Amino acid sequence: MDGFQAYGAGKAGGAFDPLTFLRQPQTAIRILCWLFSIVILGCVANEGYINRPEEVEEFCIFNRNHNACNYAVSMATLCFLCSTAFLALDVYFPRISSVKDRKKAVVADIGVSVLWALVWFVGFCFLANQWQVSKQEDNPLDEGADAARAAIVFSFFSVFTWVSQCLLAVYRFKLGADSATFNQEYVDPNQQEALDEAPPTEE
């Protein structure tokens, strides 16, 4: 990656180095986003519902509001899938030869990171509010209380991890925009040689 850089990665065609990949800040933060979503999903899905003997259906630990539990489970699942997809994109990113395609990937990273930061901010406020107004008589034994608090805390942490991911993506975008080595029409040299050797097409 030395010398030639475009949006935070060198020219396409190099071998994948797992250690270099894991040492990148965006990789570490992406893994944190991934782990936090698993924690939130596990806490709410496993201990977010209580089944009282006198009631037929179980109810959500967050003020009996099923919307709160459904929001947490749905967003954590989607966040897990999204983080996995972007981790895969990070692995593939150095192999993208077109600067335009790299730019699209980085812009998508910025947009998705902003979206998830907002989603988890709303989720944190929603879960914290519903937990605060929950009635003691609904759960006198405090079943799942630790899991509920953990879901709230990790929702709060998720806001900062996604904001950090957005800032790193913005930094990568600025690196690409200010690059003197690459221009927006750059293509991988191997592809350019193939194009040069190809016979001309008749019009």
C-alpha atoms as a PDB file:
ATOM      1  CA  MET A   1       0.000   0.000   0.000  1.00  0.00           C
ATOM      2  CA  ASP A   2       3.008   2.270   0.038  1.00  0.00           C
ATOM      3  CA  GLY A   3       3.252   4.968  -2.570  1.00  0.00           C
ATOM      4  CA  PHE A   4       0.028   4.648  -4.486  1.00  0.00           C
ATOM      5  CA  GLN A   5      -3.193   5.234  -2.586  1.00  0.00           C
ATOM      6  CA  ALA A   6      -6.821   5.685  -3.569  1.00  0.00           C
ATOM      7  CA  TYR A   7      -9.473   6.052  -0.873  1.00  0.00           C
ATOM      8  CA  GLY A   8      -7.268   4.445   1.744  1.00  0.00           C
ATOM      9  CA  ALA A   9      -6.017   1.460  -0.270  1.00  0.00           C
ATOM     10  CA  GLY A  10      -3.217   0.841  -2.754  1.00  0.00           C
ATOM     11  CA  LYS A  11      -3.452  -0.305  -6.342  1.00  0.00           C
ATOM     12  CA  ALA A  12      -5.524  -3.386  -7.030  1.00  0.00           C
ATOM     13  CA  GLY A  13      -3.947  -6.791  -7.482  1.00  0.00           C
ATOM     14  CA  GLY A  14      -1.969  -7.162  -4.253  1.00  0.00           C
ATOM     15  CA  ALA A  15      -2.245 -10.214  -2.019  1.00  0.00           C
ATOM     16  CA  PHE A  16      -4.635 -10.043   0.936  1.00  0.00           C
ATOM     17  CA  ASP A  17      -2.795  -9.624   4.243  1.00  0.00           C
ATOM     18  CA  PRO A  18      -5.010 -10.609   7.224  1.00  0.00           C
ATOM     19  CA  LEU A  19      -2.755  -8.930   9.807  1.00  0.00           C
ATOM     20  CA  THR A  20      -2.739  -5.624   7.935  1.00  0.00           C
ATOM     21  CA  PHE A  21      -6.487  -5.876   7.495  1.00  0.00           C
ATOM     22  CA  LEU A  22      -7.111  -6.505  11.209  1.00  0.00           C
ATOM     23  CA  ARG A  23      -4.841  -3.623  12.213  1.00  0.00           C
ATOM     24  CA  GLN A  24      -6.863  -1.098  10.243  1.00  0.00           C
ATOM     25  CA  PRO A  25      -8.978   1.187  12.477  1.00  0.00           C
ATOM     26  CA  GLN A  26     -12.110   0.743  10.361  1.00  0.00           C
ATOM     27  CA  THR A  27     -11.826  -3.034  10.698  1.00  0.00           C
ATOM     28  CA  ALA A  28     -11.573  -2.882  14.497  1.00  0.00           C
ATOM     29  CA  ILE A  29     -14.540  -0.538  14.764  1.00  0.00           C
ATOM     30  CA  ARG A  30     -16.546  -2.582  12.261  1.00  0.00           C
ATOM     31  CA  ILE A  31     -15.970  -5.681  14.387  1.00  0.00           C
ATOM     32  CA  LEU A  32     -17.133  -3.756  17.466  1.00  0.00           C
ATOM     33  CA  CYS A  33     -20.331  -2.753  15.647  1.00  0.00           C
ATOM     34  CA  TRP A  34     -20.812  -6.404  14.718  1.00  0.00           C
ATOM     35  CA  LEU A  35     -20.233  -7.621  18.288  1.00  0.00           C
ATOM     36  CA  PHE A  36     -22.482  -4.981  19.852  1.00  0.00           C
ATOM     37  CA  SER A  37     -25.345  -5.995  17.574  1.00  0.00           C
ATOM     38  CA  ILE A  38     -24.902  -9.628  18.675  1.00  0.00           C
ATOM     39  CA  VAL A  39     -24.950  -8.606  22.354  1.00  0.00           C
ATOM     40  CA  ILE A  40     -28.116  -6.526  21.941  1.00  0.00           C
ATOM     41  CA  LEU A  41     -29.830  -9.266  19.951  1.00  0.00           C
ATOM     42  CA  GLY A  42     -28.879 -11.921  22.493  1.00  0.00           C
ATOM     43  CA  CYS A  43     -29.963  -9.848  25.489  1.00  0.00           C
ATOM     44  CA  VAL A  44     -33.399  -8.937  24.149  1.00  0.00           C
ATOM     45  CA  ALA A  45     -34.191 -12.163  22.296  1.00  0.00           C
ATOM     46  CA  ASN A  46     -33.183 -14.416  25.207  1.00  0.00           C
ATOM     47  CA  GLU A  47     -34.182 -12.417  28.278  1.00  0.00           C
ATOM     48  CA  GLY A  48     -36.279  -9.549  26.977  1.00  0.00           C
ATOM     49  CA  TYR A  49     -39.570 -11.398  27.363  1.00  0.00           C
ATOM     50  CA  ILE A  50     -41.205 -12.618  30.583  1.00  0.00           C
ATOM     51  CA  ASN A  51     -43.809 -15.338  30.895  1.00  0.00           C
ATOM     52  CA  ARG A  52     -46.004 -14.904  33.972  1.00  0.00           C
ATOM     53  CA  PRO A  53     -47.889 -18.012  35.226  1.00  0.00           C
ATOM     54  CA  GLU A  54     -51.183 -16.169  35.334  1.00  0.00           C
ATOM     55  CA  GLU A  55     -50.838 -14.848  31.783  1.00  0.00           C
ATOM     56  CA  VAL A  56     -51.141 -16.775  28.542  1.00  0.00           C
ATOM     57  CA  GLU A  57     -48.682 -14.710  26.497  1.00  0.00           C
ATOM     58  CA  GLU A  58     -45.231 -13.498  27.450  1.00  0.00           C
ATOM     59  CA  PHE A  59     -44.656  -9.755  27.549  1.00  0.00           C
ATOM     60  CA  CYS A  60     -41.745  -7.461  26.808  1.00  0.00           C
ATOM     61  CA  ILE A  61     -39.625  -6.494  29.792  1.00  0.00           C
ATOM     62  CA  PHE A  62     -39.527  -2.895  28.553  1.00  0.00           C
ATOM     63  CA  ASN A  63     -42.780  -1.573  30.032  1.00  0.00           C
ATOM     64  CA  ARG A  64     -44.761  -4.390  28.394  1.00  0.00           C
ATOM     65  CA  ASN A  65     -44.162  -2.600  25.110  1.00  0.00           C
ATOM     66  CA  HIS A  66     -43.638  -5.214  22.412  1.00  0.00           C
ATOM     67  CA  ASN A  67     -42.588  -2.468  20.016  1.00  0.00           C
ATOM     68  CA  ALA A  68     -39.482  -1.855  22.144  1.00  0.00           C
ATOM     69  CA  CYS A  69     -38.402  -5.505  22.035  1.00  0.00           C
ATOM     70  CA  ASN A  70     -39.291  -5.834  18.360  1.00  0.00           C
ATOM     71  CA  TYR A  71     -37.303  -2.690  17.529  1.00  0.00           C
ATOM     72  CA  ALA A  72     -34.229  -3.936  19.389  1.00  0.00           C
ATOM     73  CA  VAL A  73     -34.345  -7.438  17.865  1.00  0.00           C
ATOM     74  CA  SER A  74     -35.039  -6.197  14.332  1.00  0.00           C
ATOM     75  CA  MET A  75     -32.392  -3.475  14.364  1.00  0.00           C
ATOM     76  CA  ALA A  76     -29.778  -5.722  15.963  1.00  0.00           C
ATOM     77  CA  THR A  77     -30.403  -8.401  13.329  1.00  0.00           C
ATOM     78  CA  LEU A  78     -30.198  -5.912  10.458  1.00  0.00           C
ATOM     79  CA  CYS A  79     -27.120  -4.282  11.986  1.00  0.00           C
ATOM     80  CA  PHE A  80     -25.437  -7.685  12.282  1.00  0.00           C
ATOM     81  CA  LEU A  81     -26.113  -8.428   8.609  1.00  0.00           C
ATOM     82  CA  CYS A  82     -25.029  -4.936   7.524  1.00  0.00           C
ATOM     83  CA  SER A  83     -21.799  -5.112   9.524  1.00  0.00           C
ATOM     84  CA  THR A  84     -21.043  -8.535   8.042  1.00  0.00           C
ATOM     85  CA  ALA A  85     -21.630  -7.221   4.519  1.00  0.00           C
ATOM     86  CA  PHE A  86     -19.349  -4.221   5.036  1.00  0.00           C
ATOM     87  CA  LEU A  87     -16.661  -6.407   6.593  1.00  0.00           C
ATOM     88  CA  ALA A  88     -16.746  -8.458   3.398  1.00  0.00           C
ATOM     89  CA  LEU A  89     -16.572  -5.238   1.372  1.00  0.00           C
ATOM     90  CA  ASP A  90     -13.549  -4.110   3.405  1.00  0.00           C
ATOM     91  CA  VAL A  91     -11.810  -7.364   2.528  1.00  0.00           C
ATOM     92  CA  TYR A  92     -12.600  -6.912  -1.171  1.00  0.00           C
ATOM     93  CA  PHE A  93     -11.995  -3.134  -1.251  1.00  0.00           C
ATOM     94  CA  PRO A  94      -8.234  -3.209  -2.092  1.00  0.00           C
ATOM     95  CA  ARG A  95      -9.033  -5.394  -5.120  1.00  0.00           C
ATOM     96  CA  ILE A  96     -11.410  -2.830  -6.613  1.00  0.00           C
ATOM     97  CA  SER A  97      -9.488  -1.394  -9.554  1.00  0.00           C
ATOM     98  CA  SER A  98     -11.784   1.488 -10.467  1.00  0.00           C
ATOM     99  CA  VAL A  99     -11.440   4.642  -8.401  1.00  0.00           C
ATOM    100  CA  LYS A 100     -15.055   5.497  -9.188  1.00  0.00           C
ATOM    101  CA  ASP A 101     -16.199   2.200  -7.688  1.00  0.00           C
ATOM    102  CA  ARG A 102     -14.037   2.795  -4.629  1.00  0.00           C
ATOM    103  CA  LYS A 103     -15.601   6.216  -4.241  1.00  0.00           C
ATOM    104  CA  LYS A 104     -19.091   4.705  -4.386  1.00  0.00           C
ATOM    105  CA  ALA A 105     -18.153   2.168  -1.708  1.00  0.00           C
ATOM    106  CA  VAL A 106     -16.773   4.850   0.610  1.00  0.00           C
ATOM    107  CA  VAL A 107     -19.808   7.106   0.070  1.00  0.00           C
ATOM    108  CA  ALA A 108     -22.084   4.148   0.819  1.00  0.00           C
ATOM    109  CA  ASP A 109     -20.084   3.524   3.993  1.00  0.00           C
ATOM    110  CA  ILE A 110     -20.613   7.131   5.076  1.00  0.00           C
ATOM    111  CA  GLY A 111     -24.357   7.011   4.419  1.00  0.00           C
ATOM    112  CA  VAL A 112     -24.895   3.656   6.123  1.00  0.00           C
ATOM    113  CA  SER A 113     -22.817   4.702   9.146  1.00  0.00           C
ATOM    114  CA  VAL A 114     -24.858   7.886   9.606  1.00  0.00           C
ATOM    115  CA  LEU A 115     -28.081   5.891   9.274  1.00  0.00           C
ATOM    116  CA  TRP A 116     -27.059   3.332  11.890  1.00  0.00           C
ATOM    117  CA  ALA A 117     -25.829   6.010  14.293  1.00  0.00           C
ATOM    118  CA  LEU A 118     -29.302   7.581  14.114  1.00  0.00           C
ATOM    119  CA  VAL A 119     -31.029   4.204  14.410  1.00  0.00           C
ATOM    120  CA  TRP A 120     -29.118   3.307  17.570  1.00  0.00           C
ATOM    121  CA  PHE A 121     -29.584   6.768  19.062  1.00  0.00           C
ATOM    122  CA  VAL A 122     -33.332   6.383  18.634  1.00  0.00           C
ATOM    123  CA  GLY A 123     -33.102   2.825  19.969  1.00  0.00           C
ATOM    124  CA  PHE A 124     -31.142   3.931  23.035  1.00  0.00           C
ATOM    125  CA  CYS A 125     -33.635   6.695  23.839  1.00  0.00           C
ATOM    126  CA  PHE A 126     -36.605   4.381  23.229  1.00  0.00           C
ATOM    127  CA  LEU A 127     -35.299   1.484  25.323  1.00  0.00           C
ATOM    128  CA  ALA A 128     -34.042   3.717  28.136  1.00  0.00           C
ATOM    129  CA  ASN A 129     -37.386   5.523  28.334  1.00  0.00           C
ATOM    130  CA  GLN A 130     -39.435   2.326  28.341  1.00  0.00           C
ATOM    131  CA  TRP A 131     -37.176   0.749  30.955  1.00  0.00           C
ATOM    132  CA  GLN A 132     -37.438   3.839  33.146  1.00  0.00           C
ATOM    133  CA  VAL A 133     -41.253   3.804  33.135  1.00  0.00           C
ATOM    134  CA  SER A 134     -41.541   0.030  33.599  1.00  0.00           C
ATOM    135  CA  LYS A 135     -43.643  -0.920  36.626  1.00  0.00           C
ATOM    136  CA  GLN A 136     -42.130  -2.908  39.450  1.00  0.00           C
ATOM    137  CA  GLU A 137     -45.280  -5.012  39.853  1.00  0.00           C
ATOM    138  CA  ASP A 138     -44.912  -6.286  36.283  1.00  0.00           C
ATOM    139  CA  ASN A 139     -41.556  -7.837  37.154  1.00  0.00           C
ATOM    140  CA  PRO A 140     -41.178  -8.099  40.938  1.00  0.00           C
ATOM    141  CA  LEU A 141     -38.235 -10.509  40.710  1.00  0.00           C
ATOM    142  CA  ASP A 142     -36.327  -8.284  38.255  1.00  0.00           C
ATOM    143  CA  GLU A 143     -36.061 -11.093  35.737  1.00  0.00           C
ATOM    144  CA  GLY A 144     -33.873 -10.110  32.800  1.00  0.00           C
ATOM    145  CA  ALA A 145     -33.001  -6.743  34.364  1.00  0.00           C
ATOM    146  CA  ASP A 146     -29.283  -7.142  33.687  1.00  0.00           C
ATOM    147  CA  ALA A 147     -29.968  -8.094  30.076  1.00  0.00           C
ATOM    148  CA  ALA A 148     -32.245  -5.068  29.645  1.00  0.00           C
ATOM    149  CA  ARG A 149     -29.595  -2.723  31.032  1.00  0.00           C
ATOM    150  CA  ALA A 150     -26.942  -4.349  28.845  1.00  0.00           C
ATOM    151  CA  ALA A 151     -29.108  -3.816  25.749  1.00  0.00           C
ATOM    152  CA  ILE A 152     -29.501  -0.145  26.662  1.00  0.00           C
ATOM    153  CA  VAL A 153     -25.776   0.331  27.351  1.00  0.00           C
ATOM    154  CA  PHE A 154     -24.657  -1.368  24.145  1.00  0.00           C
ATOM    155  CA  SER A 155     -27.216   0.620  22.152  1.00  0.00           C
ATOM    156  CA  PHE A 156     -25.535   3.717  23.555  1.00  0.00           C
ATOM    157  CA  PHE A 157     -22.069   2.398  22.673  1.00  0.00           C
ATOM    158  CA  SER A 158     -23.266   1.516  19.173  1.00  0.00           C
ATOM    159  CA  VAL A 159     -24.026   5.180  18.496  1.00  0.00           C
ATOM    160  CA  PHE A 160     -20.371   6.073  19.050  1.00  0.00           C
ATOM    161  CA  THR A 161     -18.975   3.119  17.107  1.00  0.00           C
ATOM    162  CA  TRP A 162     -21.057   4.000  14.048  1.00  0.00           C
ATOM    163  CA  VAL A 163     -20.183   7.699  14.367  1.00  0.00           C
ATOM    164  CA  SER A 164     -16.514   6.706  14.521  1.00  0.00           C
ATOM    165  CA  GLN A 165     -16.996   4.508  11.464  1.00  0.00           C
ATOM    166  CA  CYS A 166     -18.556   7.454   9.643  1.00  0.00           C
ATOM    167  CA  LEU A 167     -15.622   9.728  10.538  1.00  0.00           C
ATOM    168  CA  LEU A 168     -13.130   7.134   9.293  1.00  0.00           C
ATOM    169  CA  ALA A 169     -15.093   6.798   6.043  1.00  0.00           C
ATOM    170  CA  VAL A 170     -15.092  10.595   5.634  1.00  0.00           C
ATOM    171  CA  TYR A 171     -11.318  10.557   6.168  1.00  0.00           C
ATOM    172  CA  ARG A 172     -10.928   7.877   3.494  1.00  0.00           C
ATOM    173  CA  PHE A 173     -13.127   9.919   1.179  1.00  0.00           C
ATOM    174  CA  LYS A 174     -10.903  12.972   1.664  1.00  0.00           C
ATOM    175  CA  LEU A 175      -7.822  10.858   0.988  1.00  0.00           C
ATOM    176  CA  GLY A 176      -9.293   9.814  -2.329  1.00  0.00           C
ATOM    177  CA  ALA A 177     -10.439  13.310  -3.249  1.00  0.00           C
ATOM    178  CA  ASP A 178      -7.013  14.814  -2.536  1.00  0.00           C
ATOM    179  CA  SER A 179      -4.979  12.046  -4.180  1.00  0.00           C
ATOM    180  CA  ALA A 180      -2.442  13.362  -6.672  1.00  0.00           C
ATOM    181  CA  THR A 181      -1.495   9.869  -7.857  1.00  0.00           C
ATOM    182  CA  PHE A 182      -4.923   8.721  -8.943  1.00  0.00           C
ATOM    183  CA  ASN A 183      -7.544  10.458 -10.961  1.00  0.00           C
ATOM    184  CA  GLN A 184     -11.162   9.495 -11.354  1.00  0.00           C
ATOM    185  CA  GLU A 185     -10.441   7.727 -14.660  1.00  0.00           C
ATOM    186  CA  TYR A 186      -7.786   5.395 -13.225  1.00  0.00           C
ATOM    187  CA  VAL A 187      -8.180   1.704 -14.026  1.00  0.00           C
ATOM    188  CA  ASP A 188      -6.001  -1.220 -13.033  1.00  0.00           C
ATOM    189  CA  PRO A 189      -2.919  -1.565 -15.335  1.00  0.00           C
ATOM    190  CA  ASN A 190      -3.720  -5.228 -16.030  1.00  0.00           C
ATOM    191  CA  GLN A 191      -7.171  -4.264 -17.276  1.00  0.00           C
ATOM    192  CA  GLN A 192      -5.716  -1.465 -19.380  1.00  0.00           C
ATOM    193  CA  GLU A 193      -3.274  -3.875 -21.065  1.00  0.00           C
ATOM    194  CA  ALA A 194      -6.145  -6.222 -21.874  1.00  0.00           C
ATOM    195  CA  LEU A 195      -8.076  -3.339 -23.406  1.00  0.00           C
ATOM    196  CA  ASP A 196      -5.066  -2.265 -25.464  1.00  0.00           C
ATOM    197  CA  GLU A 197      -4.525  -5.795 -26.805  1.00  0.00           C
ATOM    198  CA  ALA A 198      -8.176  -6.308 -27.672  1.00  0.00           C
ATOM    199  CA  PRO A 199      -8.954  -5.990 -31.425  1.00  0.00           C
ATOM    200  CA  PRO A 200     -10.746  -2.796 -32.418  1.00  0.00           C
ATOM    201  CA  THR A 201     -14.461  -3.086 -32.854  1.00  0.00           C
ATOM    202  CA  GLU A 202     -16.013  -2.139 -36.155  1.00  0.00           C
ATOM    203  CA  GLU A 203     -18.514   0.683 -36.027  1.00  0.00           C
END
